[in-house]
PDB file of N, CA and C in Angstrom:
ATOM      1  N   UNK A   1      66.190 113.400 210.043  1.00  0.00           N
ATOM      2  CA  UNK A   1      67.336 113.953 209.367  1.00  0.00           C
ATOM      3  C   UNK A   1      66.882 114.461 207.998  1.00  0.00           C
ATOM      4  N   UNK A   2      67.350 115.620 207.600  1.00  0.00           N
ATOM      5  CA  UNK A   2      66.927 116.192 206.325  1.00  0.00           C
ATOM      6  C   UNK A   2      67.537 115.408 205.167  1.00  0.00           C
ATOM      7  N   UNK A   3      66.913 115.571 203.994  1.00  0.00           N
ATOM      8  CA  UNK A   3      67.361 114.837 202.809  1.00  0.00           C
ATOM      9  C   UNK A   3      68.752 115.288 202.378  1.00  0.00           C
ATOM     10  N   UNK A   4      69.062 116.594 202.486  1.00  0.00           N
ATOM     11  CA  UNK A   4      70.383 117.095 202.112  1.00  0.00           C
ATOM     12  C   UNK A   4      71.451 116.539 203.061  1.00  0.00           C
ATOM     13  N   UNK A   5      71.139 116.457 204.332  1.00  0.00           N
ATOM     14  CA  UNK A   5      72.086 115.928 205.322  1.00  0.00           C
ATOM     15  C   UNK A   5      72.311 114.426 205.103  1.00  0.00           C
ATOM     16  N   UNK A   6      71.274 113.700 204.750  1.00  0.00           N
ATOM     17  CA  UNK A   6      71.375 112.268 204.522  1.00  0.00           C
ATOM     18  C   UNK A   6      72.230 111.983 203.277  1.00  0.00           C
ATOM     19  N   UNK A   7      72.156 112.833 202.263  1.00  0.00           N
ATOM     20  CA  UNK A   7      72.927 112.631 201.037  1.00  0.00           C
ATOM     21  C   UNK A   7      74.384 113.041 201.209  1.00  0.00           C
ATOM     22  N   UNK A   8      74.677 113.782 202.289  1.00  0.00           N
ATOM     23  CA  UNK A   8      76.031 114.283 202.509  1.00  0.00           C
ATOM     24  C   UNK A   8      76.799 113.354 203.455  1.00  0.00           C
ATOM     25  N   UNK A   9      76.990 112.119 203.016  1.00  0.00           N
ATOM     26  CA  UNK A   9      77.707 111.143 203.822  1.00  0.00           C
ATOM     27  C   UNK A   9      78.912 110.629 203.047  1.00  0.00           C
ATOM     28  N   UNK A  10      79.944 110.372 203.785  1.00  0.00           N
ATOM     29  CA  UNK A  10      81.145 109.813 203.170  1.00  0.00           C
ATOM     30  C   UNK A  10      80.943 108.322 202.913  1.00  0.00           C
ATOM     31  N   UNK A  11      81.644 107.782 201.932  1.00  0.00           N
ATOM     32  CA  UNK A  11      81.559 106.334 201.708  1.00  0.00           C
ATOM     33  C   UNK A  11      81.995 105.589 202.967  1.00  0.00           C
ATOM     34  N   UNK A  12      81.234 104.609 203.336  1.00  0.00           N
ATOM     35  CA  UNK A  12      81.525 103.847 204.541  1.00  0.00           C
ATOM     36  C   UNK A  12      80.738 104.309 205.740  1.00  0.00           C
ATOM     37  N   UNK A  13      80.107 105.488 205.666  1.00  0.00           N
ATOM     38  CA  UNK A  13      79.306 106.003 206.775  1.00  0.00           C
ATOM     39  C   UNK A  13      77.858 105.533 206.713  1.00  0.00           C
ATOM     40  N   UNK A  14      77.504 104.845 205.637  1.00  0.00           N
ATOM     41  CA  UNK A  14      76.137 104.380 205.510  1.00  0.00           C
ATOM     42  C   UNK A  14      75.869 103.290 206.548  1.00  0.00           C
ATOM     43  N   UNK A  15      74.634 103.222 206.971  1.00  0.00           N
ATOM     44  CA  UNK A  15      74.257 102.181 207.927  1.00  0.00           C
ATOM     45  C   UNK A  15      74.250 100.832 207.208  1.00  0.00           C
ATOM     46  N   UNK A  16      74.883  99.858 207.804  1.00  0.00           N
ATOM     47  CA  UNK A  16      74.951  98.524 207.202  1.00  0.00           C
ATOM     48  C   UNK A  16      74.219  97.540 208.093  1.00  0.00           C
ATOM     49  N   UNK A  17      73.401  96.724 207.463  1.00  0.00           N
ATOM     50  CA  UNK A  17      72.731  95.688 208.240  1.00  0.00           C
ATOM     51  C   UNK A  17      73.657  94.473 208.363  1.00  0.00           C
ATOM     52  N   UNK A  18      73.223  93.462 209.070  1.00  0.00           N
ATOM     53  CA  UNK A  18      74.056  92.297 209.324  1.00  0.00           C
ATOM     54  C   UNK A  18      74.469  91.551 208.075  1.00  0.00           C
ATOM     55  N   UNK A  19      73.587  91.537 207.077  1.00  0.00           N
ATOM     56  CA  UNK A  19      73.894  90.809 205.842  1.00  0.00           C
ATOM     57  C   UNK A  19      75.016  91.493 205.069  1.00  0.00           C
ATOM     58  N   UNK A  20      75.007  92.823 204.989  1.00  0.00           N
ATOM     59  CA  UNK A  20      76.057  93.546 204.280  1.00  0.00           C
ATOM     60  C   UNK A  20      77.407  93.359 204.961  1.00  0.00           C
ATOM     61  N   UNK A  21      77.403  93.347 206.282  1.00  0.00           N
ATOM     62  CA  UNK A  21      78.646  93.137 207.020  1.00  0.00           C
ATOM     63  C   UNK A  21      79.177  91.730 206.760  1.00  0.00           C
ATOM     64  N   UNK A  22      78.287  90.744 206.773  1.00  0.00           N
ATOM     65  CA  UNK A  22      78.705  89.360 206.517  1.00  0.00           C
ATOM     66  C   UNK A  22      79.243  89.207 205.101  1.00  0.00           C
ATOM     67  N   UNK A  23      78.599  89.845 204.114  1.00  0.00           N
ATOM     68  CA  UNK A  23      79.096  89.771 202.738  1.00  0.00           C
ATOM     69  C   UNK A  23      80.467  90.422 202.609  1.00  0.00           C
ATOM     70  N   UNK A  24      80.661  91.558 203.270  1.00  0.00           N
ATOM     71  CA  UNK A  24      81.960  92.222 203.235  1.00  0.00           C
ATOM     72  C   UNK A  24      83.043  91.391 203.898  1.00  0.00           C
ATOM     73  N   UNK A  25      82.714  90.810 205.035  1.00  0.00           N
ATOM     74  CA  UNK A  25      83.667  89.963 205.741  1.00  0.00           C
ATOM     75  C   UNK A  25      84.005  88.727 204.914  1.00  0.00           C
ATOM     76  N   UNK A  26      83.013  88.159 204.260  1.00  0.00           N
ATOM     77  CA  UNK A  26      83.244  86.991 203.401  1.00  0.00           C
ATOM     78  C   UNK A  26      84.188  87.341 202.256  1.00  0.00           C
ATOM     79  N   UNK A  27      84.024  88.528 201.673  1.00  0.00           N
ATOM     80  CA  UNK A  27      84.924  88.957 200.594  1.00  0.00           C
ATOM     81  C   UNK A  27      86.358  89.083 201.073  1.00  0.00           C
ATOM     82  N   UNK A  28      86.538  89.655 202.269  1.00  0.00           N
ATOM     83  CA  UNK A  28      87.880  89.784 202.821  1.00  0.00           C
ATOM     84  C   UNK A  28      88.484  88.414 203.130  1.00  0.00           C
ATOM     85  N   UNK A  29      87.687  87.490 203.645  1.00  0.00           N
ATOM     86  CA  UNK A  29      88.204  86.156 203.959  1.00  0.00           C
ATOM     87  C   UNK A  29      88.577  85.384 202.698  1.00  0.00           C
ATOM     88  N   UNK A  30      87.772  85.504 201.647  1.00  0.00           N
ATOM     89  CA  UNK A  30      88.118  84.869 200.368  1.00  0.00           C
ATOM     90  C   UNK A  30      89.422  85.452 199.840  1.00  0.00           C
ATOM     91  N   UNK A  31      89.570  86.766 199.910  1.00  0.00           N
ATOM     92  CA  UNK A  31      90.807  87.404 199.471  1.00  0.00           C
ATOM     93  C   UNK A  31      92.002  86.952 200.292  1.00  0.00           C
ATOM     94  N   UNK A  32      91.817  86.833 201.601  1.00  0.00           N
ATOM     95  CA  UNK A  32      92.894  86.380 202.467  1.00  0.00           C
ATOM     96  C   UNK A  32      93.306  84.951 202.128  1.00  0.00           C
ATOM     97  N   UNK A  33      92.329  84.083 201.912  1.00  0.00           N
ATOM     98  CA  UNK A  33      92.643  82.699 201.564  1.00  0.00           C
ATOM     99  C   UNK A  33      93.346  82.610 200.209  1.00  0.00           C
ATOM    100  N   UNK A  34      92.866  83.364 199.232  1.00  0.00           N
ATOM    101  CA  UNK A  34      93.522  83.358 197.925  1.00  0.00           C
ATOM    102  C   UNK A  34      94.950  83.901 198.004  1.00  0.00           C
ATOM    103  N   UNK A  35      95.135  84.995 198.741  1.00  0.00           N
ATOM    104  CA  UNK A  35      96.473  85.572 198.884  1.00  0.00           C
ATOM    105  C   UNK A  35      97.401  84.600 199.599  1.00  0.00           C
ATOM    106  N   UNK A  36      96.919  83.943 200.636  1.00  0.00           N
ATOM    107  CA  UNK A  36      97.737  82.960 201.335  1.00  0.00           C
ATOM    108  C   UNK A  36      98.081  81.772 200.456  1.00  0.00           C
ATOM    109  N   UNK A  37      97.116  81.308 199.664  1.00  0.00           N
ATOM    110  CA  UNK A  37      97.354  80.187 198.763  1.00  0.00           C
ATOM    111  C   UNK A  37      98.404  80.541 197.717  1.00  0.00           C
ATOM    112  N   UNK A  38      98.280  81.729 197.119  1.00  0.00           N
ATOM    113  CA  UNK A  38      99.252  82.148 196.100  1.00  0.00           C
ATOM    114  C   UNK A  38     100.633  82.294 196.719  1.00  0.00           C
ATOM    115  N   UNK A  39     100.718  82.811 197.934  1.00  0.00           N
ATOM    116  CA  UNK A  39     102.007  82.931 198.618  1.00  0.00           C
ATOM    117  C   UNK A  39     102.610  81.560 198.882  1.00  0.00           C
ATOM    118  N   UNK A  40     101.803  80.620 199.354  1.00  0.00           N
ATOM    119  CA  UNK A  40     102.298  79.261 199.623  1.00  0.00           C
ATOM    120  C   UNK A  40     102.775  78.594 198.337  1.00  0.00           C
ATOM    121  N   UNK A  41     102.035  78.760 197.252  1.00  0.00           N
ATOM    122  CA  UNK A  41     102.446  78.175 195.972  1.00  0.00           C
ATOM    123  C   UNK A  41     103.760  78.795 195.503  1.00  0.00           C
ATOM    124  N   UNK A  42     103.923  80.097 195.702  1.00  0.00           N
ATOM    125  CA  UNK A  42     105.166  80.766 195.309  1.00  0.00           C
ATOM    126  C   UNK A  42     106.354  80.193 196.068  1.00  0.00           C
ATOM    127  N   UNK A  43     106.211  80.028 197.386  1.00  0.00           N
ATOM    128  CA  UNK A  43     107.298  79.455 198.172  1.00  0.00           C
ATOM    129  C   UNK A  43     107.570  78.018 197.762  1.00  0.00           C
ATOM    130  N   UNK A  44     106.522  77.261 197.469  1.00  0.00           N
ATOM    131  CA  UNK A  44     106.691  75.876 197.043  1.00  0.00           C
ATOM    132  C   UNK A  44     107.461  75.810 195.734  1.00  0.00           C
ATOM    133  N   UNK A  45     107.075  76.644 194.766  1.00  0.00           N
ATOM    134  CA  UNK A  45     107.741  76.638 193.461  1.00  0.00           C
ATOM    135  C   UNK A  45     109.201  77.061 193.597  1.00  0.00           C
ATOM    136  N   UNK A  46     109.468  78.059 194.424  1.00  0.00           N
ATOM    137  CA  UNK A  46     110.839  78.545 194.568  1.00  0.00           C
ATOM    138  C   UNK A  46     111.730  77.543 195.298  1.00  0.00           C
ATOM    139  N   UNK A  47     111.151  76.716 196.159  1.00  0.00           N
ATOM    140  CA  UNK A  47     111.968  75.831 196.971  1.00  0.00           C
ATOM    141  C   UNK A  47     111.976  74.380 196.559  1.00  0.00           C
ATOM    142  N   UNK A  48     111.363  74.033 195.456  1.00  0.00           N
ATOM    143  CA  UNK A  48     111.283  72.637 195.068  1.00  0.00           C
ATOM    144  C   UNK A  48     112.078  72.379 193.792  1.00  0.00           C
ATOM    145  N   UNK A  49     112.402  71.144 193.585  1.00  0.00           N
ATOM    146  CA  UNK A  49     113.056  70.756 192.328  1.00  0.00           C
ATOM    147  C   UNK A  49     112.079  70.022 191.421  1.00  0.00           C
ATOM    148  N   UNK A  50     110.809  70.011 191.772  1.00  0.00           N
ATOM    149  CA  UNK A  50     109.794  69.338 190.960  1.00  0.00           C
ATOM    150  C   UNK A  50     109.412  70.144 189.725  1.00  0.00           C
ATOM    151  N   UNK A  51     109.712  71.434 189.759  1.00  0.00           N
ATOM    152  CA  UNK A  51     109.362  72.326 188.651  1.00  0.00           C
ATOM    153  C   UNK A  51     110.597  72.503 187.770  1.00  0.00           C
ATOM    154  N   UNK A  52     110.388  72.562 186.466  1.00  0.00           N
ATOM    155  CA  UNK A  52     111.480  72.781 185.522  1.00  0.00           C
ATOM    156  C   UNK A  52     112.162  74.100 185.858  1.00  0.00           C
ATOM    157  N   UNK A  53     113.449  74.072 186.140  1.00  0.00           N
ATOM    158  CA  UNK A  53     114.181  75.221 186.688  1.00  0.00           C
ATOM    159  C   UNK A  53     114.072  76.499 185.859  1.00  0.00           C
ATOM    160  N   UNK A  54     114.194  76.464 184.517  1.00  0.00           N
ATOM    161  CA  UNK A  54     114.078  77.720 183.765  1.00  0.00           C
ATOM    162  C   UNK A  54     112.690  78.359 183.829  1.00  0.00           C
ATOM    163  N   UNK A  55     111.673  77.612 184.223  1.00  0.00           N
ATOM    164  CA  UNK A  55     110.323  78.180 184.250  1.00  0.00           C
ATOM    165  C   UNK A  55     109.986  78.827 185.596  1.00  0.00           C
ATOM    166  N   UNK A  56     110.847  78.695 186.587  1.00  0.00           N
ATOM    167  CA  UNK A  56     110.537  79.225 187.915  1.00  0.00           C
ATOM    168  C   UNK A  56     110.354  80.740 187.908  1.00  0.00           C
ATOM    169  N   UNK A  57     111.256  81.542 187.308  1.00  0.00           N
ATOM    170  CA  UNK A  57     111.011  82.995 187.312  1.00  0.00           C
ATOM    171  C   UNK A  57     109.720  83.385 186.614  1.00  0.00           C
ATOM    172  N   UNK A  58     109.374  82.705 185.546  1.00  0.00           N
ATOM    173  CA  UNK A  58     108.133  83.016 184.832  1.00  0.00           C
ATOM    174  C   UNK A  58     106.930  82.683 185.706  1.00  0.00           C
ATOM    175  N   UNK A  59     106.982  81.522 186.366  1.00  0.00           N
ATOM    176  CA  UNK A  59     105.882  81.128 187.247  1.00  0.00           C
ATOM    177  C   UNK A  59     105.740  82.101 188.406  1.00  0.00           C
ATOM    178  N   UNK A  60     106.846  82.541 188.978  1.00  0.00           N
ATOM    179  CA  UNK A  60     106.778  83.505 190.080  1.00  0.00           C
ATOM    180  C   UNK A  60     106.238  84.847 189.611  1.00  0.00           C
ATOM    181  N   UNK A  61     106.586  85.251 188.404  1.00  0.00           N
ATOM    182  CA  UNK A  61     106.065  86.499 187.853  1.00  0.00           C
ATOM    183  C   UNK A  61     104.558  86.407 187.657  1.00  0.00           C
ATOM    184  N   UNK A  62     104.087  85.293 187.119  1.00  0.00           N
ATOM    185  CA  UNK A  62     102.643  85.104 186.908  1.00  0.00           C
ATOM    186  C   UNK A  62     101.909  85.087 188.249  1.00  0.00           C
ATOM    187  N   UNK A  63     102.477  84.408 189.243  1.00  0.00           N
ATOM    188  CA  UNK A  63     101.851  84.388 190.566  1.00  0.00           C
ATOM    189  C   UNK A  63     101.864  85.770 191.219  1.00  0.00           C
ATOM    190  N   UNK A  64     102.903  86.552 190.978  1.00  0.00           N
ATOM    191  CA  UNK A  64     102.944  87.920 191.517  1.00  0.00           C
ATOM    192  C   UNK A  64     101.850  88.786 190.900  1.00  0.00           C
ATOM    193  N   UNK A  65     101.631  88.638 189.599  1.00  0.00           N
ATOM    194  CA  UNK A  65     100.547  89.377 188.933  1.00  0.00           C
ATOM    195  C   UNK A  65      99.202  88.940 189.510  1.00  0.00           C
ATOM    196  N   UNK A  66      99.033  87.636 189.720  1.00  0.00           N
ATOM    197  CA  UNK A  66      97.799  87.141 190.332  1.00  0.00           C
ATOM    198  C   UNK A  66      97.612  87.674 191.744  1.00  0.00           C
ATOM    199  N   UNK A  67      98.694  87.739 192.498  1.00  0.00           N
ATOM    200  CA  UNK A  67      98.623  88.280 193.864  1.00  0.00           C
ATOM    201  C   UNK A  67      98.191  89.747 193.842  1.00  0.00           C
ATOM    202  N   UNK A  68      98.735  90.516 192.897  1.00  0.00           N
ATOM    203  CA  UNK A  68      98.322  91.919 192.785  1.00  0.00           C
ATOM    204  C   UNK A  68      96.845  92.024 192.418  1.00  0.00           C
ATOM    205  N   UNK A  69      96.388  91.161 191.532  1.00  0.00           N
ATOM    206  CA  UNK A  69      94.973  91.165 191.165  1.00  0.00           C
ATOM    207  C   UNK A  69      94.077  90.844 192.348  1.00  0.00           C
ATOM    208  N   UNK A  70      94.459  89.864 193.156  1.00  0.00           N
ATOM    209  CA  UNK A  70      93.682  89.520 194.348  1.00  0.00           C
ATOM    210  C   UNK A  70      93.610  90.716 195.287  1.00  0.00           C
ATOM    211  N   UNK A  71      94.721  91.389 195.507  1.00  0.00           N
ATOM    212  CA  UNK A  71      94.727  92.537 196.416  1.00  0.00           C
ATOM    213  C   UNK A  71      93.887  93.691 195.867  1.00  0.00           C
ATOM    214  N   UNK A  72      93.985  93.932 194.566  1.00  0.00           N
ATOM    215  CA  UNK A  72      93.221  95.031 193.979  1.00  0.00           C
ATOM    216  C   UNK A  72      91.722  94.777 194.055  1.00  0.00           C
ATOM    217  N   UNK A  73      91.296  93.553 193.821  1.00  0.00           N
ATOM    218  CA  UNK A  73      89.863  93.261 193.781  1.00  0.00           C
ATOM    219  C   UNK A  73      89.292  93.062 195.182  1.00  0.00           C
ATOM    220  N   UNK A  74      89.920  92.236 195.995  1.00  0.00           N
ATOM    221  CA  UNK A  74      89.327  91.865 197.276  1.00  0.00           C
ATOM    222  C   UNK A  74      89.607  92.862 198.395  1.00  0.00           C
ATOM    223  N   UNK A  75      90.737  93.566 198.358  1.00  0.00           N
ATOM    224  CA  UNK A  75      91.077  94.459 199.460  1.00  0.00           C
ATOM    225  C   UNK A  75      90.926  95.931 199.096  1.00  0.00           C
ATOM    226  N   UNK A  76      91.272  96.310 197.878  1.00  0.00           N
ATOM    227  CA  UNK A  76      91.116  97.704 197.464  1.00  0.00           C
ATOM    228  C   UNK A  76      89.808  97.944 196.729  1.00  0.00           C
ATOM    229  N   UNK A  77      89.067  96.881 196.435  1.00  0.00           N
ATOM    230  CA  UNK A  77      87.745  96.938 195.822  1.00  0.00           C
ATOM    231  C   UNK A  77      87.738  97.705 194.504  1.00  0.00           C
ATOM    232  N   UNK A  78      88.768  97.492 193.678  1.00  0.00           N
ATOM    233  CA  UNK A  78      88.794  98.107 192.357  1.00  0.00           C
ATOM    234  C   UNK A  78      88.007  97.229 191.402  1.00  0.00           C
ATOM    235  N   UNK A  79      86.962  97.796 190.855  1.00  0.00           N
ATOM    236  CA  UNK A  79      86.142  97.089 189.879  1.00  0.00           C
ATOM    237  C   UNK A  79      85.985  97.978 188.658  1.00  0.00           C
ATOM    238  N   UNK A  80      85.196  97.528 187.707  1.00  0.00           N
ATOM    239  CA  UNK A  80      85.000  98.306 186.485  1.00  0.00           C
ATOM    240  C   UNK A  80      83.732  99.144 186.545  1.00  0.00           C
ATOM    241  N   UNK A  81      83.181  99.358 187.726  1.00  0.00           N
ATOM    242  CA  UNK A  81      81.964 100.147 187.866  1.00  0.00           C
ATOM    243  C   UNK A  81      82.199 101.614 187.577  1.00  0.00           C
ATOM    244  N   UNK A  82      81.088 102.335 187.349  1.00  0.00           N
ATOM    245  CA  UNK A  82      81.176 103.761 187.043  1.00  0.00           C
ATOM    246  C   UNK A  82      81.769 104.570 188.185  1.00  0.00           C
ATOM    247  N   UNK A  83      81.529 104.151 189.426  1.00  0.00           N
ATOM    248  CA  UNK A  83      82.001 104.922 190.572  1.00  0.00           C
ATOM    249  C   UNK A  83      83.476 104.703 190.859  1.00  0.00           C
ATOM    250  N   UNK A  84      84.165 103.864 190.103  1.00  0.00           N
ATOM    251  CA  UNK A  84      85.571 103.587 190.348  1.00  0.00           C
ATOM    252  C   UNK A  84      86.498 104.213 189.317  1.00  0.00           C
ATOM    253  N   UNK A  85      86.038 105.178 188.558  1.00  0.00           N
ATOM    254  CA  UNK A  85      86.875 105.798 187.532  1.00  0.00           C
ATOM    255  C   UNK A  85      88.084 106.484 188.160  1.00  0.00           C
ATOM    256  N   UNK A  86      87.891 107.187 189.271  1.00  0.00           N
ATOM    257  CA  UNK A  86      89.009 107.848 189.930  1.00  0.00           C
ATOM    258  C   UNK A  86      89.986 106.839 190.510  1.00  0.00           C
ATOM    259  N   UNK A  87      89.484 105.709 191.012  1.00  0.00           N
ATOM    260  CA  UNK A  87      90.370 104.679 191.540  1.00  0.00           C
ATOM    261  C   UNK A  87      91.244 104.101 190.439  1.00  0.00           C
ATOM    262  N   UNK A  88      90.667 103.889 189.271  1.00  0.00           N
ATOM    263  CA  UNK A  88      91.433 103.343 188.150  1.00  0.00           C
ATOM    264  C   UNK A  88      92.497 104.343 187.706  1.00  0.00           C
ATOM    265  N   UNK A  89      92.161 105.624 187.683  1.00  0.00           N
ATOM    266  CA  UNK A  89      93.156 106.645 187.325  1.00  0.00           C
ATOM    267  C   UNK A  89      94.269 106.706 188.362  1.00  0.00           C
ATOM    268  N   UNK A  90      93.931 106.595 189.637  1.00  0.00           N
ATOM    269  CA  UNK A  90      94.948 106.585 190.684  1.00  0.00           C
ATOM    270  C   UNK A  90      95.840 105.357 190.554  1.00  0.00           C
ATOM    271  N   UNK A  91      95.244 104.213 190.228  1.00  0.00           N
ATOM    272  CA  UNK A  91      96.032 102.999 190.014  1.00  0.00           C
ATOM    273  C   UNK A  91      96.966 103.162 188.820  1.00  0.00           C
ATOM    274  N   UNK A  92      96.472 103.727 187.737  1.00  0.00           N
ATOM    275  CA  UNK A  92      97.306 103.942 186.553  1.00  0.00           C
ATOM    276  C   UNK A  92      98.460 104.895 186.873  1.00  0.00           C
ATOM    277  N   UNK A  93      98.201 105.931 187.650  1.00  0.00           N
ATOM    278  CA  UNK A  93      99.258 106.857 188.044  1.00  0.00           C
ATOM    279  C   UNK A  93     100.287 106.139 188.919  1.00  0.00           C
ATOM    280  N   UNK A  94      99.825 105.303 189.835  1.00  0.00           N
ATOM    281  CA  UNK A  94     100.743 104.536 190.681  1.00  0.00           C
ATOM    282  C   UNK A  94     101.609 103.592 189.866  1.00  0.00           C
ATOM    283  N   UNK A  95     101.014 102.927 188.873  1.00  0.00           N
ATOM    284  CA  UNK A  95     101.783 102.035 188.005  1.00  0.00           C
ATOM    285  C   UNK A  95     102.817 102.834 187.221  1.00  0.00           C
ATOM    286  N   UNK A  96     102.456 104.023 186.748  1.00  0.00           N
ATOM    287  CA  UNK A  96     103.395 104.879 186.034  1.00  0.00           C
ATOM    288  C   UNK A  96     104.579 105.248 186.921  1.00  0.00           C
ATOM    289  N   UNK A  97     104.314 105.619 188.161  1.00  0.00           N
ATOM    290  CA  UNK A  97     105.382 105.991 189.080  1.00  0.00           C
ATOM    291  C   UNK A  97     106.300 104.803 189.346  1.00  0.00           C
ATOM    292  N   UNK A  98     105.726 103.626 189.555  1.00  0.00           N
ATOM    293  CA  UNK A  98     106.536 102.427 189.795  1.00  0.00           C
ATOM    294  C   UNK A  98     107.398 102.110 188.573  1.00  0.00           C
ATOM    295  N   UNK A  99     106.825 102.198 187.386  1.00  0.00           N
ATOM    296  CA  UNK A  99     107.604 101.946 186.172  1.00  0.00           C
ATOM    297  C   UNK A  99     108.730 102.952 186.010  1.00  0.00           C
ATOM    298  N   UNK A 100     108.464 104.219 186.317  1.00  0.00           N
ATOM    299  CA  UNK A 100     109.529 105.223 186.249  1.00  0.00           C
ATOM    300  C   UNK A 100     110.648 104.916 187.238  1.00  0.00           C
ATOM    301  N   UNK A 101     110.297 104.467 188.437  1.00  0.00           N
ATOM    302  CA  UNK A 101     111.313 104.103 189.425  1.00  0.00           C
ATOM    303  C   UNK A 101     112.139 102.910 188.961  1.00  0.00           C
ATOM    304  N   UNK A 102     111.490 101.910 188.404  1.00  0.00           N
ATOM    305  CA  UNK A 102     112.213 100.723 187.948  1.00  0.00           C
ATOM    306  C   UNK A 102     113.131 101.064 186.780  1.00  0.00           C
ATOM    307  N   UNK A 103     112.600 101.758 185.785  1.00  0.00           N
ATOM    308  CA  UNK A 103     113.408 102.118 184.616  1.00  0.00           C
ATOM    309  C   UNK A 103     114.552 103.051 185.020  1.00  0.00           C
ATOM    310  N   UNK A 104     114.268 104.023 185.882  1.00  0.00           N
ATOM    311  CA  UNK A 104     115.320 104.927 186.341  1.00  0.00           C
ATOM    312  C   UNK A 104     116.394 104.198 187.128  1.00  0.00           C
ATOM    313  N   UNK A 105     116.010 103.271 187.978  1.00  0.00           N
ATOM    314  CA  UNK A 105     116.991 102.504 188.750  1.00  0.00           C
ATOM    315  C   UNK A 105     117.852 101.650 187.845  1.00  0.00           C
ATOM    316  N   UNK A 106     117.231 100.988 186.875  1.00  0.00           N
ATOM    317  CA  UNK A 106     118.013 100.182 185.935  1.00  0.00           C
ATOM    318  C   UNK A 106     118.956 101.039 185.114  1.00  0.00           C
ATOM    319  N   UNK A 107     118.497 102.214 184.707  1.00  0.00           N
ATOM    320  CA  UNK A 107     119.343 103.119 183.925  1.00  0.00           C
ATOM    321  C   UNK A 107     120.534 103.585 184.755  1.00  0.00           C
ATOM    322  N   UNK A 108     120.284 103.934 186.013  1.00  0.00           N
ATOM    323  CA  UNK A 108     121.374 104.372 186.889  1.00  0.00           C
ATOM    324  C   UNK A 108     122.364 103.239 187.117  1.00  0.00           C
ATOM    325  N   UNK A 109     121.869 102.031 187.356  1.00  0.00           N
ATOM    326  CA  UNK A 109     122.783 100.913 187.617  1.00  0.00           C
ATOM    327  C   UNK A 109     123.640 100.574 186.401  1.00  0.00           C
ATOM    328  N   UNK A 110     123.071 100.618 185.204  1.00  0.00           N
ATOM    329  CA  UNK A 110     123.875 100.304 184.024  1.00  0.00           C
ATOM    330  C   UNK A 110     124.909 101.383 183.750  1.00  0.00           C
ATOM    331  N   UNK A 111     124.543 102.633 183.949  1.00  0.00           N
ATOM    332  CA  UNK A 111     125.497 103.714 183.701  1.00  0.00           C
ATOM    333  C   UNK A 111     126.501 103.867 184.843  1.00  0.00           C
ATOM    334  N   UNK A 112     126.153 103.468 186.032  1.00  0.00           N
ATOM    335  CA  UNK A 112     127.083 103.517 187.148  1.00  0.00           C
ATOM    336  C   UNK A 112     128.241 102.565 186.881  1.00  0.00           C
ATOM    337  N   UNK A 113     127.939 101.379 186.401  1.00  0.00           N
ATOM    338  CA  UNK A 113     128.983 100.419 186.073  1.00  0.00           C
ATOM    339  C   UNK A 113     129.859 100.946 184.943  1.00  0.00           C
ATOM    340  N   UNK A 114     129.267 101.594 183.978  1.00  0.00           N
ATOM    341  CA  UNK A 114     130.017 102.128 182.840  1.00  0.00           C
ATOM    342  C   UNK A 114     130.929 103.281 183.255  1.00  0.00           C
ATOM    343  N   UNK A 115     130.489 104.106 184.192  1.00  0.00           N
ATOM    344  CA  UNK A 115     131.237 105.301 184.582  1.00  0.00           C
ATOM    345  C   UNK A 115     132.186 105.078 185.753  1.00  0.00           C
ATOM    346  N   UNK A 116     132.240 103.877 186.308  1.00  0.00           N
ATOM    347  CA  UNK A 116     133.140 103.637 187.435  1.00  0.00           C
ATOM    348  C   UNK A 116     134.591 103.575 186.976  1.00  0.00           C
ATOM    349  N   UNK A 117     135.475 103.952 187.890  1.00  0.00           N
ATOM    350  CA  UNK A 117     136.897 103.886 187.612  1.00  0.00           C
ATOM    351  C   UNK A 117     137.330 102.421 187.542  1.00  0.00           C
ATOM    352  N   UNK A 118     138.183 102.064 186.603  1.00  0.00           N
ATOM    353  CA  UNK A 118     138.655 100.676 186.518  1.00  0.00           C
ATOM    354  C   UNK A 118     139.376 100.255 187.797  1.00  0.00           C
ATOM    355  N   UNK A 119     139.280  98.966 188.114  1.00  0.00           N
ATOM    356  CA  UNK A 119     139.858  98.465 189.364  1.00  0.00           C
ATOM    357  C   UNK A 119     141.369  98.625 189.407  1.00  0.00           C
ATOM    358  N   UNK A 120     142.054  98.512 188.274  1.00  0.00           N
ATOM    359  CA  UNK A 120     143.513  98.634 188.303  1.00  0.00           C
ATOM    360  C   UNK A 120     143.958 100.041 188.670  1.00  0.00           C
ATOM    361  N   UNK A 121     143.137 101.055 188.407  1.00  0.00           N
ATOM    362  CA  UNK A 121     143.468 102.422 188.820  1.00  0.00           C
ATOM    363  C   UNK A 121     142.936 102.727 190.213  1.00  0.00           C
ATOM    364  N   UNK A 122     141.904 102.004 190.666  1.00  0.00           N
ATOM    365  CA  UNK A 122     141.302 102.256 191.963  1.00  0.00           C
ATOM    366  C   UNK A 122     142.119 101.646 193.097  1.00  0.00           C
ATOM    367  N   UNK A 123     142.712 100.479 192.881  1.00  0.00           N
ATOM    368  CA  UNK A 123     143.454  99.781 193.933  1.00  0.00           C
ATOM    369  C   UNK A 123     144.667 100.575 194.430  1.00  0.00           C
ATOM    370  N   UNK A 124     145.490 101.183 193.586  1.00  0.00           N
ATOM    371  CA  UNK A 124     146.641 101.962 194.128  1.00  0.00           C
ATOM    372  C   UNK A 124     146.198 103.155 194.966  1.00  0.00           C
ATOM    373  N   UNK A 125     145.011 103.687 194.762  1.00  0.00           N
ATOM    374  CA  UNK A 125     144.541 104.830 195.533  1.00  0.00           C
ATOM    375  C   UNK A 125     144.184 104.444 196.963  1.00  0.00           C
ATOM    376  N   UNK A 126     143.880 103.182 197.218  1.00  0.00           N
ATOM    377  CA  UNK A 126     143.460 102.753 198.541  1.00  0.00           C
ATOM    378  C   UNK A 126     144.628 102.397 199.435  1.00  0.00           C
ATOM    379  N   UNK A 127     145.822 102.410 198.953  1.00  0.00           N
ATOM    380  CA  UNK A 127     146.999 102.073 199.782  1.00  0.00           C
ATOM    381  C   UNK A 127     147.523 103.238 200.515  1.00  0.00           C
TER     382      UNK A 127
END
């Protein structure tokens, strides 16, 4: 195979020996175990009375951030390497879109309540 043809390969098309496959599989299994553990802890915290009640939403938020970190590192393979600059930009764009959706939804919900017709005027219309 020519050198130009060998360099023209997509990521993932490279030949992998048994050790690389085992290392990749091990990374996925560690990620799966961590994600399962964080999920189990979240359900435990939400369903128990052993945890101080006002701290439950904060604990669930922290566990959700940890769950996102596990998925980004172990499954999406986002690292701080030079070859991941585009991935980080795509992640930042995705976070921006999610924030716009959340802020827009909250804005619509607060203004929807403000702009609704009062119930005393709405009830006679339904008869």
